């Protein structure tokens, strides 16, 4: 699964709380890259999701396109603390 492809296919708007110091730091980093803050944060989140994708999704797949049966998927989610 490619998270970047998914992020382009469906956009979810979400309000998040960011401490002012973090916002300032990210704003400076974004400006240094000639980007606005929103796009920069979106890029960071997308990159983080892509980097961590295999680690978090691997327990749910035997092969890249195979899903676990519902009961096994629910047990895996419970082990990971997601449910």
C-alpha atoms as a PDB file:
ATOM      1  CA  UNK A   1       0.000   0.000   0.000  1.00  0.00           C
ATOM      2  CA  UNK A   2       1.330   3.413  -0.889  1.00  0.00           C
ATOM      3  CA  UNK A   3       0.269   6.007   1.671  1.00  0.00           C
ATOM      4  CA  UNK A   4       1.125   8.875  -0.665  1.00  0.00           C
ATOM      5  CA  UNK A   5      -1.309   7.551  -3.268  1.00  0.00           C
ATOM      6  CA  UNK A   6      -3.994   7.201  -0.616  1.00  0.00           C
ATOM      7  CA  UNK A   7      -3.381  10.694   0.686  1.00  0.00           C
ATOM      8  CA  UNK A   8      -3.894  12.130  -2.790  1.00  0.00           C
ATOM      9  CA  UNK A   9      -7.065  10.138  -3.442  1.00  0.00           C
ATOM     10  CA  UNK A  10      -8.984  11.256  -0.352  1.00  0.00           C
ATOM     11  CA  UNK A  11      -8.293  14.369   1.668  1.00  0.00           C
ATOM     12  CA  UNK A  12      -9.378  14.465   5.298  1.00  0.00           C
ATOM     13  CA  UNK A  13      -9.358  17.835   7.006  1.00  0.00           C
ATOM     14  CA  UNK A  14      -8.466  17.647  10.674  1.00  0.00           C
ATOM     15  CA  UNK A  15      -7.793  20.340  13.228  1.00  0.00           C
ATOM     16  CA  UNK A  16      -4.762  19.542  15.372  1.00  0.00           C
ATOM     17  CA  UNK A  17      -3.237  21.343  18.339  1.00  0.00           C
ATOM     18  CA  UNK A  18       0.413  22.310  17.952  1.00  0.00           C
ATOM     19  CA  UNK A  19       2.352  24.088  20.703  1.00  0.00           C
ATOM     20  CA  UNK A  20       3.338  27.615  19.695  1.00  0.00           C
ATOM     21  CA  UNK A  21       7.076  26.891  19.890  1.00  0.00           C
ATOM     22  CA  UNK A  22       6.697  23.899  17.599  1.00  0.00           C
ATOM     23  CA  UNK A  23       4.571  25.936  15.188  1.00  0.00           C
ATOM     24  CA  UNK A  24       7.233  28.640  15.088  1.00  0.00           C
ATOM     25  CA  UNK A  25      10.016  26.110  14.457  1.00  0.00           C
ATOM     26  CA  UNK A  26       8.047  24.362  11.724  1.00  0.00           C
ATOM     27  CA  UNK A  27       7.146  27.725  10.193  1.00  0.00           C
ATOM     28  CA  UNK A  28      10.829  28.681   9.991  1.00  0.00           C
ATOM     29  CA  UNK A  29      11.715  25.303   8.453  1.00  0.00           C
ATOM     30  CA  UNK A  30       8.883  25.664   5.933  1.00  0.00           C
ATOM     31  CA  UNK A  31       9.987  29.182   5.002  1.00  0.00           C
ATOM     32  CA  UNK A  32      13.554  27.963   4.485  1.00  0.00           C
ATOM     33  CA  UNK A  33      12.158  25.454   1.972  1.00  0.00           C
ATOM     34  CA  UNK A  34       9.932  28.134   0.380  1.00  0.00           C
ATOM     35  CA  UNK A  35       6.761  26.300   1.467  1.00  0.00           C
ATOM     36  CA  UNK A  36       3.760  27.322   3.512  1.00  0.00           C
ATOM     37  CA  UNK A  37       3.357  25.747   6.951  1.00  0.00           C
ATOM     38  CA  UNK A  38       0.323  23.633   6.073  1.00  0.00           C
ATOM     39  CA  UNK A  39       1.968  22.012   3.051  1.00  0.00           C
ATOM     40  CA  UNK A  40       5.157  21.425   5.037  1.00  0.00           C
ATOM     41  CA  UNK A  41       3.277  19.664   7.857  1.00  0.00           C
ATOM     42  CA  UNK A  42       1.361  17.570   5.291  1.00  0.00           C
ATOM     43  CA  UNK A  43       4.678  16.586   3.690  1.00  0.00           C
ATOM     44  CA  UNK A  44       6.176  15.616   7.068  1.00  0.00           C
ATOM     45  CA  UNK A  45       3.156  13.510   8.023  1.00  0.00           C
ATOM     46  CA  UNK A  46       3.015  11.778   4.631  1.00  0.00           C
ATOM     47  CA  UNK A  47       6.733  10.992   4.731  1.00  0.00           C
ATOM     48  CA  UNK A  48       6.462   9.655   8.287  1.00  0.00           C
ATOM     49  CA  UNK A  49       3.525   7.438   7.330  1.00  0.00           C
ATOM     50  CA  UNK A  50       5.392   6.081   4.300  1.00  0.00           C
ATOM     51  CA  UNK A  51       8.551   5.429   6.349  1.00  0.00           C
ATOM     52  CA  UNK A  52       6.648   3.571   9.079  1.00  0.00           C
ATOM     53  CA  UNK A  53       4.117   1.834   6.831  1.00  0.00           C
ATOM     54  CA  UNK A  54       5.771  -1.574   6.659  1.00  0.00           C
ATOM     55  CA  UNK A  55       6.463  -1.740  10.377  1.00  0.00           C
ATOM     56  CA  UNK A  56       2.852  -1.054  11.361  1.00  0.00           C
ATOM     57  CA  UNK A  57       1.008  -2.837   8.558  1.00  0.00           C
ATOM     58  CA  UNK A  58       3.159  -5.972   8.254  1.00  0.00           C
ATOM     59  CA  UNK A  59       1.308  -7.909  11.009  1.00  0.00           C
ATOM     60  CA  UNK A  60      -1.900  -7.674   8.953  1.00  0.00           C
ATOM     61  CA  UNK A  61      -0.545  -9.099   5.701  1.00  0.00           C
ATOM     62  CA  UNK A  62       0.754 -12.540   4.752  1.00  0.00           C
ATOM     63  CA  UNK A  63       1.414 -11.332   1.226  1.00  0.00           C
ATOM     64  CA  UNK A  64       1.198  -7.704   0.076  1.00  0.00           C
ATOM     65  CA  UNK A  65      -2.415  -8.054  -1.109  1.00  0.00           C
ATOM     66  CA  UNK A  66      -3.716 -10.616   1.410  1.00  0.00           C
ATOM     67  CA  UNK A  67      -5.793  -9.518   4.388  1.00  0.00           C
ATOM     68  CA  UNK A  68      -6.067 -11.440   7.618  1.00  0.00           C
ATOM     69  CA  UNK A  69      -9.455 -12.935   8.413  1.00  0.00           C
ATOM     70  CA  UNK A  70     -11.556 -10.599  10.568  1.00  0.00           C
ATOM     71  CA  UNK A  71     -10.999 -12.477  13.825  1.00  0.00           C
ATOM     72  CA  UNK A  72      -7.196 -12.574  13.313  1.00  0.00           C
ATOM     73  CA  UNK A  73      -7.124  -8.889  12.319  1.00  0.00           C
ATOM     74  CA  UNK A  74      -9.084  -7.959  15.462  1.00  0.00           C
ATOM     75  CA  UNK A  75      -6.664 -10.004  17.601  1.00  0.00           C
ATOM     76  CA  UNK A  76      -3.678  -8.289  15.940  1.00  0.00           C
ATOM     77  CA  UNK A  77      -5.235  -4.856  16.549  1.00  0.00           C
ATOM     78  CA  UNK A  78      -5.788  -5.752  20.197  1.00  0.00           C
ATOM     79  CA  UNK A  79      -2.148  -6.885  20.565  1.00  0.00           C
ATOM     80  CA  UNK A  80      -0.993  -3.573  19.094  1.00  0.00           C
ATOM     81  CA  UNK A  81      -3.262  -1.647  21.458  1.00  0.00           C
ATOM     82  CA  UNK A  82      -5.466  -0.238  18.693  1.00  0.00           C
ATOM     83  CA  UNK A  83      -8.762  -1.658  19.979  1.00  0.00           C
END
